[in-house]
C-alpha atoms as a PDB file:
ATOM      1  CA  UNK A   1      84.913  98.276 116.620  1.00  0.00           C
ATOM      2  CA  UNK A   2      88.094  98.382 114.522  1.00  0.00           C
ATOM      3  CA  UNK A   3      88.724  94.688 115.093  1.00  0.00           C
ATOM      4  CA  UNK A   4      85.141  93.856 114.085  1.00  0.00           C
ATOM      5  CA  UNK A   5      85.419  95.865 110.877  1.00  0.00           C
ATOM      6  CA  UNK A   6      88.670  94.135 109.995  1.00  0.00           C
ATOM      7  CA  UNK A   7      87.165  90.716 110.730  1.00  0.00           C
ATOM      8  CA  UNK A   8      84.303  91.573 108.369  1.00  0.00           C
ATOM      9  CA  UNK A   9      86.711  92.350 105.562  1.00  0.00           C
ATOM     10  CA  UNK A  10      87.426  96.064 105.857  1.00  0.00           C
ATOM     11  CA  UNK A  11      90.565  97.007 103.910  1.00  0.00           C
ATOM     12  CA  UNK A  12      93.056  98.642 106.316  1.00  0.00           C
ATOM     13  CA  UNK A  13      95.120  99.975 103.399  1.00  0.00           C
ATOM     14  CA  UNK A  14      92.330 101.649 101.424  1.00  0.00           C
ATOM     15  CA  UNK A  15      92.629 105.420 101.311  1.00  0.00           C
ATOM     16  CA  UNK A  16      89.593 107.556 101.908  1.00  0.00           C
ATOM     17  CA  UNK A  17      88.444 110.976 100.754  1.00  0.00           C
ATOM     18  CA  UNK A  18      91.464 112.602 102.391  1.00  0.00           C
ATOM     19  CA  UNK A  19      93.817 110.278 100.445  1.00  0.00           C
ATOM     20  CA  UNK A  20      95.280 108.894 103.675  1.00  0.00           C
ATOM     21  CA  UNK A  21      95.139 105.310 104.906  1.00  0.00           C
ATOM     22  CA  UNK A  22      93.355 104.408 108.131  1.00  0.00           C
ATOM     23  CA  UNK A  23      96.749 103.912 109.803  1.00  0.00           C
ATOM     24  CA  UNK A  24      97.978 107.367 108.763  1.00  0.00           C
ATOM     25  CA  UNK A  25      94.715 108.948 109.946  1.00  0.00           C
ATOM     26  CA  UNK A  26      94.852 107.128 113.303  1.00  0.00           C
ATOM     27  CA  UNK A  27      98.418 108.292 113.871  1.00  0.00           C
ATOM     28  CA  UNK A  28      97.594 111.880 112.886  1.00  0.00           C
ATOM     29  CA  UNK A  29      94.656 111.958 115.304  1.00  0.00           C
ATOM     30  CA  UNK A  30      96.686 110.290 118.103  1.00  0.00           C
ATOM     31  CA  UNK A  31      94.479 107.191 118.226  1.00  0.00           C
ATOM     32  CA  UNK A  32      97.308 104.956 119.406  1.00  0.00           C
ATOM     33  CA  UNK A  33      95.235 101.854 120.111  1.00  0.00           C
ATOM     34  CA  UNK A  34      93.661 101.948 116.647  1.00  0.00           C
ATOM     35  CA  UNK A  35      97.052 102.595 115.050  1.00  0.00           C
ATOM     36  CA  UNK A  36      98.530  99.595 116.856  1.00  0.00           C
ATOM     37  CA  UNK A  37      95.724  97.330 115.660  1.00  0.00           C
ATOM     38  CA  UNK A  38      96.066  98.522 112.064  1.00  0.00           C
ATOM     39  CA  UNK A  39      99.821  98.234 112.165  1.00  0.00           C
ATOM     40  CA  UNK A  40      99.618  94.637 113.385  1.00  0.00           C
ATOM     41  CA  UNK A  41      97.290  93.797 110.483  1.00  0.00           C
ATOM     42  CA  UNK A  42      99.703  95.362 107.968  1.00  0.00           C
ATOM     43  CA  UNK A  43     102.553  93.228 109.341  1.00  0.00           C
ATOM     44  CA  UNK A  44     100.525  90.060 108.761  1.00  0.00           C
ATOM     45  CA  UNK A  45     100.146  90.789 105.010  1.00  0.00           C
END
């Protein structure tokens, strides 16, 4: 699902209501696979 959202133009660096980025949230919640995907996208920019 994360890959699909990114392919459709979701901004992986946009902060949400909690003022944290998706990568920070994924790390905090121990969603390692999601964090790895987001981190790879950040490296490409």
